[in-house]
PDB file of N, CA and C in Angstrom:
ATOM      1  N   MET A   1      -2.412  29.371  91.328  1.00  0.00           N
ATOM      2  CA  MET A   1      -1.509  30.487  91.526  1.00  0.00           C
ATOM      3  C   MET A   1      -0.388  30.071  92.465  1.00  0.00           C
ATOM      4  N   LYS A   2       0.755  30.655  92.220  1.00  0.00           N
ATOM      5  CA  LYS A   2       1.946  30.397  93.007  1.00  0.00           C
ATOM      6  C   LYS A   2       2.327  31.661  93.765  1.00  0.00           C
ATOM      7  N   ILE A   3       2.993  31.493  94.903  1.00  0.00           N
ATOM      8  CA  ILE A   3       3.509  32.648  95.639  1.00  0.00           C
ATOM      9  C   ILE A   3       4.951  32.873  95.222  1.00  0.00           C
ATOM     10  N   TYR A   4       5.250  34.120  94.857  1.00  0.00           N
ATOM     11  CA  TYR A   4       6.605  34.530  94.504  1.00  0.00           C
ATOM     12  C   TYR A   4       7.090  35.532  95.546  1.00  0.00           C
ATOM     13  N   TYR A   5       8.315  35.390  95.943  1.00  0.00           N
ATOM     14  CA  TYR A   5       8.943  36.258  96.931  1.00  0.00           C
ATOM     15  C   TYR A   5      10.015  37.069  96.200  1.00  0.00           C
ATOM     16  N   TYR A   6      10.271  38.280  96.686  1.00  0.00           N
ATOM     17  CA  TYR A   6      11.240  39.107  95.968  1.00  0.00           C
ATOM     18  C   TYR A   6      12.093  39.953  96.904  1.00  0.00           C
ATOM     19  N   VAL A   7      13.265  40.290  96.392  1.00  0.00           N
ATOM     20  CA  VAL A   7      14.147  41.318  96.927  1.00  0.00           C
ATOM     21  C   VAL A   7      14.183  42.375  95.844  1.00  0.00           C
ATOM     22  N   LEU A   8      13.951  43.625  96.217  1.00  0.00           N
ATOM     23  CA  LEU A   8      13.836  44.708  95.252  1.00  0.00           C
ATOM     24  C   LEU A   8      14.757  45.847  95.655  1.00  0.00           C
ATOM     25  N   ALA A   9      15.455  46.403  94.666  1.00  0.00           N
ATOM     26  CA  ALA A   9      16.333  47.553  94.900  1.00  0.00           C
ATOM     27  C   ALA A   9      16.567  48.241  93.561  1.00  0.00           C
ATOM     28  N   SER A  10      17.327  49.318  93.606  1.00  0.00           N
ATOM     29  CA  SER A  10      17.679  49.964  92.342  1.00  0.00           C
ATOM     30  C   SER A  10      18.595  49.024  91.565  1.00  0.00           C
ATOM     31  N   GLN A  11      18.532  49.099  90.241  1.00  0.00           N
ATOM     32  CA  GLN A  11      19.411  48.263  89.422  1.00  0.00           C
ATOM     33  C   GLN A  11      20.865  48.529  89.773  1.00  0.00           C
ATOM     34  N   ARG A  12      21.200  49.791  89.971  1.00  0.00           N
ATOM     35  CA  ARG A  12      22.592  50.137  90.280  1.00  0.00           C
ATOM     36  C   ARG A  12      23.055  49.418  91.540  1.00  0.00           C
ATOM     37  N   PHE A  13      22.259  49.482  92.595  1.00  0.00           N
ATOM     38  CA  PHE A  13      22.640  48.839  93.852  1.00  0.00           C
ATOM     39  C   PHE A  13      22.708  47.326  93.700  1.00  0.00           C
ATOM     40  N   LEU A  14      21.648  46.746  93.189  1.00  0.00           N
ATOM     41  CA  LEU A  14      21.537  45.289  93.158  1.00  0.00           C
ATOM     42  C   LEU A  14      22.487  44.637  92.153  1.00  0.00           C
ATOM     43  N   LEU A  15      22.696  45.277  91.013  1.00  0.00           N
ATOM     44  CA  LEU A  15      23.468  44.630  89.957  1.00  0.00           C
ATOM     45  C   LEU A  15      24.883  45.177  89.763  1.00  0.00           C
ATOM     46  N   GLU A  16      25.183  46.331  90.342  1.00  0.00           N
ATOM     47  CA  GLU A  16      26.512  46.902  90.164  1.00  0.00           C
ATOM     48  C   GLU A  16      27.281  47.035  91.474  1.00  0.00           C
ATOM     49  N   GLU A  17      26.625  47.544  92.514  1.00  0.00           N
ATOM     50  CA  GLU A  17      27.325  47.795  93.775  1.00  0.00           C
ATOM     51  C   GLU A  17      27.508  46.544  94.627  1.00  0.00           C
ATOM     52  N   GLU A  18      26.619  45.612  94.508  1.00  0.00           N
ATOM     53  CA  GLU A  18      26.704  44.372  95.270  1.00  0.00           C
ATOM     54  C   GLU A  18      27.245  43.252  94.379  1.00  0.00           C
ATOM     55  N   PRO A  19      28.015  42.321  94.937  1.00  0.00           N
ATOM     56  CA  PRO A  19      28.557  41.212  94.133  1.00  0.00           C
ATOM     57  C   PRO A  19      27.530  40.107  93.898  1.00  0.00           C
ATOM     58  N   MET A  20      26.355  40.483  93.380  1.00  0.00           N
ATOM     59  CA  MET A  20      25.271  39.508  93.209  1.00  0.00           C
ATOM     60  C   MET A  20      25.579  38.463  92.147  1.00  0.00           C
ATOM     61  N   GLU A  21      26.314  38.837  91.119  1.00  0.00           N
ATOM     62  CA  GLU A  21      26.623  37.869  90.067  1.00  0.00           C
ATOM     63  C   GLU A  21      27.345  36.659  90.666  1.00  0.00           C
ATOM     64  N   GLU A  22      28.300  36.924  91.539  1.00  0.00           N
ATOM     65  CA  GLU A  22      29.044  35.839  92.182  1.00  0.00           C
ATOM     66  C   GLU A  22      28.139  34.994  93.082  1.00  0.00           C
ATOM     67  N   VAL A  23      27.291  35.641  93.852  1.00  0.00           N
ATOM     68  CA  VAL A  23      26.368  34.938  94.750  1.00  0.00           C
ATOM     69  C   VAL A  23      25.422  34.037  93.950  1.00  0.00           C
ATOM     70  N   LEU A  24      24.853  34.581  92.886  1.00  0.00           N
ATOM     71  CA  LEU A  24      23.898  33.810  92.085  1.00  0.00           C
ATOM     72  C   LEU A  24      24.586  32.692  91.306  1.00  0.00           C
ATOM     73  N   ARG A  25      25.799  32.943  90.847  1.00  0.00           N
ATOM     74  CA  ARG A  25      26.555  31.896  90.148  1.00  0.00           C
ATOM     75  C   ARG A  25      26.845  30.733  91.106  1.00  0.00           C
ATOM     76  N   GLU A  26      27.242  31.051  92.336  1.00  0.00           N
ATOM     77  CA  GLU A  26      27.519  30.015  93.326  1.00  0.00           C
ATOM     78  C   GLU A  26      26.246  29.235  93.671  1.00  0.00           C
ATOM     79  N   ARG A  27      25.138  29.936  93.816  1.00  0.00           N
ATOM     80  CA  ARG A  27      23.863  29.257  94.126  1.00  0.00           C
ATOM     81  C   ARG A  27      23.437  28.362  92.964  1.00  0.00           C
ATOM     82  N   THR A  28      23.621  28.831  91.740  1.00  0.00           N
ATOM     83  CA  THR A  28      23.303  28.024  90.561  1.00  0.00           C
ATOM     84  C   THR A  28      24.143  26.761  90.530  1.00  0.00           C
ATOM     85  N   ARG A  29      25.438  26.908  90.795  1.00  0.00           N
ATOM     86  CA  ARG A  29      26.339  25.745  90.834  1.00  0.00           C
ATOM     87  C   ARG A  29      25.871  24.741  91.889  1.00  0.00           C
ATOM     88  N   HIS A  30      25.519  25.251  93.064  1.00  0.00           N
ATOM     89  CA  HIS A  30      25.039  24.389  94.150  1.00  0.00           C
ATOM     90  C   HIS A  30      23.763  23.649  93.736  1.00  0.00           C
ATOM     91  N   TYR A  31      22.825  24.352  93.102  1.00  0.00           N
ATOM     92  CA  TYR A  31      21.586  23.721  92.655  1.00  0.00           C
ATOM     93  C   TYR A  31      21.879  22.606  91.655  1.00  0.00           C
ATOM     94  N   HIS A  32      22.801  22.855  90.726  1.00  0.00           N
ATOM     95  CA  HIS A  32      23.150  21.831  89.736  1.00  0.00           C
ATOM     96  C   HIS A  32      23.754  20.607  90.421  1.00  0.00           C
ATOM     97  N   GLU A  33      24.631  20.833  91.389  1.00  0.00           N
ATOM     98  CA  GLU A  33      25.240  19.718  92.114  1.00  0.00           C
ATOM     99  C   GLU A  33      24.193  18.893  92.866  1.00  0.00           C
ATOM    100  N   GLN A  34      23.171  19.576  93.388  1.00  0.00           N
ATOM    101  CA  GLN A  34      22.114  18.902  94.143  1.00  0.00           C
ATOM    102  C   GLN A  34      20.987  18.406  93.232  1.00  0.00           C
ATOM    103  N   GLU A  35      21.147  18.635  91.925  1.00  0.00           N
ATOM    104  CA  GLU A  35      20.126  18.286  90.940  1.00  0.00           C
ATOM    105  C   GLU A  35      18.775  18.912  91.295  1.00  0.00           C
ATOM    106  N   LYS A  36      18.852  20.154  91.741  1.00  0.00           N
ATOM    107  CA  LYS A  36      17.672  20.897  92.140  1.00  0.00           C
ATOM    108  C   LYS A  36      17.323  21.901  91.037  1.00  0.00           C
ATOM    109  N   GLU A  37      16.043  22.070  90.776  1.00  0.00           N
ATOM    110  CA  GLU A  37      15.576  23.008  89.758  1.00  0.00           C
ATOM    111  C   GLU A  37      15.792  24.451  90.232  1.00  0.00           C
ATOM    112  N   ILE A  38      16.238  25.314  89.321  1.00  0.00           N
ATOM    113  CA  ILE A  38      16.444  26.730  89.641  1.00  0.00           C
ATOM    114  C   ILE A  38      15.096  27.348  90.019  1.00  0.00           C
ATOM    115  N   ASP A  39      15.079  28.036  91.154  1.00  0.00           N
ATOM    116  CA  ASP A  39      13.840  28.648  91.637  1.00  0.00           C
ATOM    117  C   ASP A  39      14.013  30.145  91.916  1.00  0.00           C
ATOM    118  N   PHE A  40      14.957  30.770  91.209  1.00  0.00           N
ATOM    119  CA  PHE A  40      15.165  32.206  91.367  1.00  0.00           C
ATOM    120  C   PHE A  40      15.548  32.819  90.024  1.00  0.00           C
ATOM    121  N   TRP A  41      15.187  34.096  89.874  1.00  0.00           N
ATOM    122  CA  TRP A  41      15.412  34.795  88.616  1.00  0.00           C
ATOM    123  C   TRP A  41      15.730  36.252  88.902  1.00  0.00           C
ATOM    124  N   VAL A  42      16.573  36.868  88.079  1.00  0.00           N
ATOM    125  CA  VAL A  42      16.873  38.298  88.165  1.00  0.00           C
ATOM    126  C   VAL A  42      16.063  38.986  87.076  1.00  0.00           C
ATOM    127  N   VAL A  43      15.314  39.999  87.468  1.00  0.00           N
ATOM    128  CA  VAL A  43      14.465  40.714  86.516  1.00  0.00           C
ATOM    129  C   VAL A  43      14.739  42.217  86.636  1.00  0.00           C
ATOM    130  N   LYS A  44      15.189  42.804  85.531  1.00  0.00           N
ATOM    131  CA  LYS A  44      15.353  44.259  85.481  1.00  0.00           C
ATOM    132  C   LYS A  44      13.996  44.879  85.188  1.00  0.00           C
ATOM    133  N   GLN A  45      13.715  45.988  85.840  1.00  0.00           N
ATOM    134  CA  GLN A  45      12.444  46.692  85.706  1.00  0.00           C
ATOM    135  C   GLN A  45      11.265  45.723  85.723  1.00  0.00           C
ATOM    136  N   PRO A  46      11.068  45.047  86.858  1.00  0.00           N
ATOM    137  CA  PRO A  46      10.012  44.035  86.940  1.00  0.00           C
ATOM    138  C   PRO A  46       8.615  44.615  86.716  1.00  0.00           C
ATOM    139  N   ALA A  47       7.878  43.946  85.853  1.00  0.00           N
ATOM    140  CA  ALA A  47       6.524  44.399  85.504  1.00  0.00           C
ATOM    141  C   ALA A  47       5.548  44.259  86.666  1.00  0.00           C
ATOM    142  N   PHE A  48       5.826  43.369  87.623  1.00  0.00           N
ATOM    143  CA  PHE A  48       4.881  43.209  88.737  1.00  0.00           C
ATOM    144  C   PHE A  48       4.710  44.506  89.526  1.00  0.00           C
ATOM    145  N   LEU A  49       5.678  45.419  89.432  1.00  0.00           N
ATOM    146  CA  LEU A  49       5.559  46.705  90.130  1.00  0.00           C
ATOM    147  C   LEU A  49       4.471  47.596  89.539  1.00  0.00           C
ATOM    148  N   GLU A  50       4.010  47.271  88.337  1.00  0.00           N
ATOM    149  CA  GLU A  50       2.952  48.056  87.691  1.00  0.00           C
ATOM    150  C   GLU A  50       1.564  47.680  88.191  1.00  0.00           C
ATOM    151  N   SER A  51       1.472  46.606  88.949  1.00  0.00           N
ATOM    152  CA  SER A  51       0.185  46.208  89.523  1.00  0.00           C
ATOM    153  C   SER A  51      -0.264  47.285  90.510  1.00  0.00           C
ATOM    154  N   PRO A  52      -1.543  47.663  90.478  1.00  0.00           N
ATOM    155  CA  PRO A  52      -2.035  48.690  91.405  1.00  0.00           C
ATOM    156  C   PRO A  52      -1.733  48.373  92.878  1.00  0.00           C
ATOM    157  N   ARG A  53      -1.753  47.114  93.232  1.00  0.00           N
ATOM    158  CA  ARG A  53      -1.505  46.769  94.631  1.00  0.00           C
ATOM    159  C   ARG A  53      -0.031  46.905  95.012  1.00  0.00           C
ATOM    160  N   MET A  54       0.848  47.107  94.028  1.00  0.00           N
ATOM    161  CA  MET A  54       2.279  47.268  94.295  1.00  0.00           C
ATOM    162  C   MET A  54       2.712  48.737  94.236  1.00  0.00           C
ATOM    163  N   ALA A  55       1.766  49.661  94.105  1.00  0.00           N
ATOM    164  CA  ALA A  55       2.094  51.084  93.937  1.00  0.00           C
ATOM    165  C   ALA A  55       2.949  51.621  95.087  1.00  0.00           C
ATOM    166  N   GLN A  56       2.630  51.259  96.316  1.00  0.00           N
ATOM    167  CA  GLN A  56       3.401  51.751  97.464  1.00  0.00           C
ATOM    168  C   GLN A  56       4.826  51.198  97.459  1.00  0.00           C
ATOM    169  N   VAL A  57       4.969  49.945  97.062  1.00  0.00           N
ATOM    170  CA  VAL A  57       6.304  49.334  96.990  1.00  0.00           C
ATOM    171  C   VAL A  57       7.120  50.040  95.913  1.00  0.00           C
ATOM    172  N   LYS A  58       6.525  50.247  94.757  1.00  0.00           N
ATOM    173  CA  LYS A  58       7.226  50.913  93.651  1.00  0.00           C
ATOM    174  C   LYS A  58       7.666  52.317  94.067  1.00  0.00           C
ATOM    175  N   ALA A  59       6.809  53.026  94.793  1.00  0.00           N
ATOM    176  CA  ALA A  59       7.122  54.390  95.222  1.00  0.00           C
ATOM    177  C   ALA A  59       8.325  54.426  96.172  1.00  0.00           C
ATOM    178  N   LYS A  60       8.564  53.357  96.899  1.00  0.00           N
ATOM    179  CA  LYS A  60       9.682  53.303  97.856  1.00  0.00           C
ATOM    180  C   LYS A  60      11.012  52.931  97.218  1.00  0.00           C
ATOM    181  N   CYS A  61      10.977  52.398  96.003  1.00  0.00           N
ATOM    182  CA  CYS A  61      12.183  51.866  95.377  1.00  0.00           C
ATOM    183  C   CYS A  61      12.736  52.814  94.319  1.00  0.00           C
ATOM    184  N   PRO A  62      14.024  53.164  94.419  1.00  0.00           N
ATOM    185  CA  PRO A  62      14.626  53.985  93.363  1.00  0.00           C
ATOM    186  C   PRO A  62      14.519  53.290  92.008  1.00  0.00           C
ATOM    187  N   GLN A  63      14.263  54.082  90.978  1.00  0.00           N
ATOM    188  CA  GLN A  63      14.108  53.545  89.630  1.00  0.00           C
ATOM    189  C   GLN A  63      15.356  53.853  88.801  1.00  0.00           C
ATOM    190  N   PRO A  64      15.701  53.083  87.824  1.00  0.00           N
ATOM    191  CA  PRO A  64      15.078  51.822  87.461  1.00  0.00           C
ATOM    192  C   PRO A  64      15.381  50.754  88.503  1.00  0.00           C
ATOM    193  N   ALA A  65      14.409  49.898  88.721  1.00  0.00           N
ATOM    194  CA  ALA A  65      14.513  48.863  89.745  1.00  0.00           C
ATOM    195  C   ALA A  65      14.957  47.536  89.147  1.00  0.00           C
ATOM    196  N   ALA A  66      15.394  46.666  90.029  1.00  0.00           N
ATOM    197  CA  ALA A  66      15.691  45.280  89.671  1.00  0.00           C
ATOM    198  C   ALA A  66      15.221  44.417  90.826  1.00  0.00           C
ATOM    199  N   ALA A  67      14.857  43.186  90.512  1.00  0.00           N
ATOM    200  CA  ALA A  67      14.376  42.275  91.542  1.00  0.00           C
ATOM    201  C   ALA A  67      15.006  40.897  91.359  1.00  0.00           C
ATOM    202  N   ILE A  68      15.212  40.247  92.473  1.00  0.00           N
ATOM    203  CA  ILE A  68      15.505  38.822  92.463  1.00  0.00           C
ATOM    204  C   ILE A  68      14.225  38.188  92.970  1.00  0.00           C
ATOM    205  N   ILE A  69      13.633  37.370  92.140  1.00  0.00           N
ATOM    206  CA  ILE A  69      12.346  36.746  92.427  1.00  0.00           C
ATOM    207  C   ILE A  69      12.575  35.256  92.624  1.00  0.00           C
ATOM    208  N   SER A  70      11.901  34.686  93.624  1.00  0.00           N
ATOM    209  CA  SER A  70      12.078  33.266  93.906  1.00  0.00           C
ATOM    210  C   SER A  70      10.786  32.672  94.450  1.00  0.00           C
ATOM    211  N   THR A  71      10.681  31.374  94.315  1.00  0.00           N
ATOM    212  CA  THR A  71       9.580  30.659  94.955  1.00  0.00           C
ATOM    213  C   THR A  71      10.028  30.125  96.317  1.00  0.00           C
ATOM    214  N   ASN A  72      11.261  30.422  96.699  1.00  0.00           N
ATOM    215  CA  ASN A  72      11.842  29.945  97.952  1.00  0.00           C
ATOM    216  C   ASN A  72      11.948  31.115  98.938  1.00  0.00           C
ATOM    217  N   PRO A  73      11.052  31.193  99.933  1.00  0.00           N
ATOM    218  CA  PRO A  73      11.090  32.328 100.859  1.00  0.00           C
ATOM    219  C   PRO A  73      12.371  32.377 101.702  1.00  0.00           C
ATOM    220  N   GLN A  74      12.970  31.235 101.996  1.00  0.00           N
ATOM    221  CA  GLN A  74      14.203  31.232 102.786  1.00  0.00           C
ATOM    222  C   GLN A  74      15.349  31.906 102.030  1.00  0.00           C
ATOM    223  N   PHE A  75      15.417  31.695 100.722  1.00  0.00           N
ATOM    224  CA  PHE A  75      16.459  32.331  99.923  1.00  0.00           C
ATOM    225  C   PHE A  75      16.302  33.847  99.953  1.00  0.00           C
ATOM    226  N   ILE A  76      15.080  34.333  99.839  1.00  0.00           N
ATOM    227  CA  ILE A  76      14.829  35.773  99.861  1.00  0.00           C
ATOM    228  C   ILE A  76      15.159  36.343 101.242  1.00  0.00           C
ATOM    229  N   THR A  77      14.819  35.632 102.299  1.00  0.00           N
ATOM    230  CA  THR A  77      15.177  36.078 103.650  1.00  0.00           C
ATOM    231  C   THR A  77      16.690  36.161 103.792  1.00  0.00           C
ATOM    232  N   TRP A  78      17.400  35.161 103.294  1.00  0.00           N
ATOM    233  CA  TRP A  78      18.861  35.154 103.351  1.00  0.00           C
ATOM    234  C   TRP A  78      19.432  36.353 102.588  1.00  0.00           C
ATOM    235  N   LEU A  79      18.882  36.633 101.390  1.00  0.00           N
ATOM    236  CA  LEU A  79      19.350  37.788 100.623  1.00  0.00           C
ATOM    237  C   LEU A  79      19.087  39.094 101.368  1.00  0.00           C
ATOM    238  N   LYS A  80      17.915  39.212 101.979  1.00  0.00           N
ATOM    239  CA  LYS A  80      17.570  40.424 102.737  1.00  0.00           C
ATOM    240  C   LYS A  80      18.581  40.645 103.858  1.00  0.00           C
ATOM    241  N   LEU A  81      18.933  39.603 104.569  1.00  0.00           N
ATOM    242  CA  LEU A  81      19.904  39.736 105.653  1.00  0.00           C
ATOM    243  C   LEU A  81      21.286  40.095 105.123  1.00  0.00           C
ATOM    244  N   ARG A  82      21.634  39.574 103.974  1.00  0.00           N
ATOM    245  CA  ARG A  82      22.942  39.827 103.375  1.00  0.00           C
ATOM    246  C   ARG A  82      23.030  41.232 102.779  1.00  0.00           C
ATOM    247  N   LEU A  83      21.958  41.678 102.137  1.00  0.00           N
ATOM    248  CA  LEU A  83      21.992  42.941 101.407  1.00  0.00           C
ATOM    249  C   LEU A  83      21.584  44.150 102.242  1.00  0.00           C
ATOM    250  N   GLU A  84      20.719  43.963 103.206  1.00  0.00           N
ATOM    251  CA  GLU A  84      20.285  44.985 104.143  1.00  0.00           C
ATOM    252  C   GLU A  84      19.392  46.067 103.535  1.00  0.00           C
ATOM    253  N   TYR A  85      19.866  46.861 102.577  1.00  0.00           N
ATOM    254  CA  TYR A  85      19.104  48.005 102.071  1.00  0.00           C
ATOM    255  C   TYR A  85      18.261  47.647 100.856  1.00  0.00           C
ATOM    256  N   VAL A  86      17.363  46.692 101.036  1.00  0.00           N
ATOM    257  CA  VAL A  86      16.480  46.250  99.960  1.00  0.00           C
ATOM    258  C   VAL A  86      15.059  46.135 100.497  1.00  0.00           C
ATOM    259  N   LEU A  87      14.116  46.116  99.598  1.00  0.00           N
ATOM    260  CA  LEU A  87      12.721  45.869  99.958  1.00  0.00           C
ATOM    261  C   LEU A  87      12.427  44.402  99.681  1.00  0.00           C
ATOM    262  N   THR A  88      11.592  43.809 100.497  1.00  0.00           N
ATOM    263  CA  THR A  88      11.183  42.426 100.264  1.00  0.00           C
ATOM    264  C   THR A  88       9.668  42.357 100.334  1.00  0.00           C
ATOM    265  N   GLY A  89       9.144  41.309  99.738  1.00  0.00           N
ATOM    266  CA  GLY A  89       7.707  41.109  99.769  1.00  0.00           C
ATOM    267  C   GLY A  89       7.344  39.864  99.001  1.00  0.00           C
ATOM    268  N   GLU A  90       6.073  39.740  98.749  1.00  0.00           N
ATOM    269  CA  GLU A  90       5.577  38.579  98.010  1.00  0.00           C
ATOM    270  C   GLU A  90       4.338  38.972  97.224  1.00  0.00           C
ATOM    271  N   PHE A  91       4.041  38.169  96.229  1.00  0.00           N
ATOM    272  CA  PHE A  91       2.829  38.354  95.445  1.00  0.00           C
ATOM    273  C   PHE A  91       2.431  37.003  94.868  1.00  0.00           C
ATOM    274  N   GLN A  92       1.168  36.910  94.464  1.00  0.00           N
ATOM    275  CA  GLN A  92       0.683  35.690  93.831  1.00  0.00           C
ATOM    276  C   GLN A  92       0.538  35.935  92.336  1.00  0.00           C
ATOM    277  N   ALA A  93       0.900  34.933  91.573  1.00  0.00           N
ATOM    278  CA  ALA A  93       0.783  35.032  90.113  1.00  0.00           C
ATOM    279  C   ALA A  93       0.691  33.624  89.546  1.00  0.00           C
ATOM    280  N   PRO A  94       0.139  33.475  88.370  1.00  0.00           N
ATOM    281  CA  PRO A  94      -0.447  34.534  87.551  1.00  0.00           C
ATOM    282  C   PRO A  94      -1.789  35.001  88.120  1.00  0.00           C
ATOM    283  N   SER A  95      -2.038  36.287  87.918  1.00  0.00           N
ATOM    284  CA  SER A  95      -3.306  36.878  88.348  1.00  0.00           C
ATOM    285  C   SER A  95      -3.718  37.914  87.318  1.00  0.00           C
ATOM    286  N   GLU A  96      -4.850  38.528  87.522  1.00  0.00           N
ATOM    287  CA  GLU A  96      -5.316  39.529  86.572  1.00  0.00           C
ATOM    288  C   GLU A  96      -4.351  40.712  86.510  1.00  0.00           C
ATOM    289  N   SER A  97      -3.843  41.146  87.676  1.00  0.00           N
ATOM    290  CA  SER A  97      -2.948  42.308  87.684  1.00  0.00           C
ATOM    291  C   SER A  97      -1.474  41.945  87.469  1.00  0.00           C
ATOM    292  N   ILE A  98      -1.118  40.672  87.678  1.00  0.00           N
ATOM    293  CA  ILE A  98       0.253  40.202  87.441  1.00  0.00           C
ATOM    294  C   ILE A  98       0.170  38.901  86.644  1.00  0.00           C
ATOM    295  N   PRO A  99      -0.014  39.005  85.331  1.00  0.00           N
ATOM    296  CA  PRO A  99      -0.164  37.797  84.524  1.00  0.00           C
ATOM    297  C   PRO A  99       1.116  36.966  84.411  1.00  0.00           C
ATOM    298  N   ASP A 100       2.274  37.629  84.406  1.00  0.00           N
ATOM    299  CA  ASP A 100       3.560  36.932  84.277  1.00  0.00           C
ATOM    300  C   ASP A 100       4.480  37.415  85.394  1.00  0.00           C
ATOM    301  N   PRO A 101       4.784  36.569  86.371  1.00  0.00           N
ATOM    302  CA  PRO A 101       5.575  37.003  87.526  1.00  0.00           C
ATOM    303  C   PRO A 101       7.007  37.418  87.181  1.00  0.00           C
ATOM    304  N   LEU A 102       7.527  36.949  86.042  1.00  0.00           N
ATOM    305  CA  LEU A 102       8.910  37.233  85.679  1.00  0.00           C
ATOM    306  C   LEU A 102       9.044  38.244  84.542  1.00  0.00           C
ATOM    307  N   ALA A 103       7.946  38.890  84.175  1.00  0.00           N
ATOM    308  CA  ALA A 103       7.971  39.848  83.073  1.00  0.00           C
ATOM    309  C   ALA A 103       8.787  41.084  83.442  1.00  0.00           C
ATOM    310  N   SER A 104       9.401  41.663  82.405  1.00  0.00           N
ATOM    311  CA  SER A 104      10.217  42.858  82.553  1.00  0.00           C
ATOM    312  C   SER A 104       9.671  43.936  81.643  1.00  0.00           C
ATOM    313  N   LEU A 105       9.830  45.196  82.059  1.00  0.00           N
ATOM    314  CA  LEU A 105       9.440  46.312  81.207  1.00  0.00           C
ATOM    315  C   LEU A 105      10.563  46.696  80.257  1.00  0.00           C
ATOM    316  N   THR A 106      11.725  46.074  80.427  1.00  0.00           N
ATOM    317  CA  THR A 106      12.879  46.323  79.579  1.00  0.00           C
ATOM    318  C   THR A 106      12.780  45.483  78.322  1.00  0.00           C
ATOM    319  N   SER A 107      12.912  46.126  77.186  1.00  0.00           N
ATOM    320  CA  SER A 107      12.903  45.347  75.944  1.00  0.00           C
ATOM    321  C   SER A 107      14.318  44.865  75.664  1.00  0.00           C
ATOM    322  N   VAL A 108      14.418  43.643  75.187  1.00  0.00           N
ATOM    323  CA  VAL A 108      15.709  43.046  74.871  1.00  0.00           C
ATOM    324  C   VAL A 108      16.035  43.363  73.418  1.00  0.00           C
ATOM    325  N   SER A 109      17.236  43.896  73.197  1.00  0.00           N
ATOM    326  CA  SER A 109      17.654  44.241  71.822  1.00  0.00           C
ATOM    327  C   SER A 109      18.593  43.217  71.275  1.00  0.00           C
TER     328      SER A 109
END
């Protein structure tokens, strides 16, 4: 099992009100220049919130939610400091209650 760290907020806040696209594009460019593997993902309506142990976190977050998930805790800490009004945490996956750490409840059309 791996530890995944996350920043969680409403989709509107995280994907529309904040300039996250620019931040993530710049980080992606930096990773490519450093030949580093991407270790972060944006997930709309993250399925990990459906885990019983995440019920309190889900209750605190306006829906529909979005998350930036990473295996790099420093990146999540940096995002928390930059964004301010977000929830952060961690979980282990794959597990019985979270089989896919990057799964979304949103169907792609």
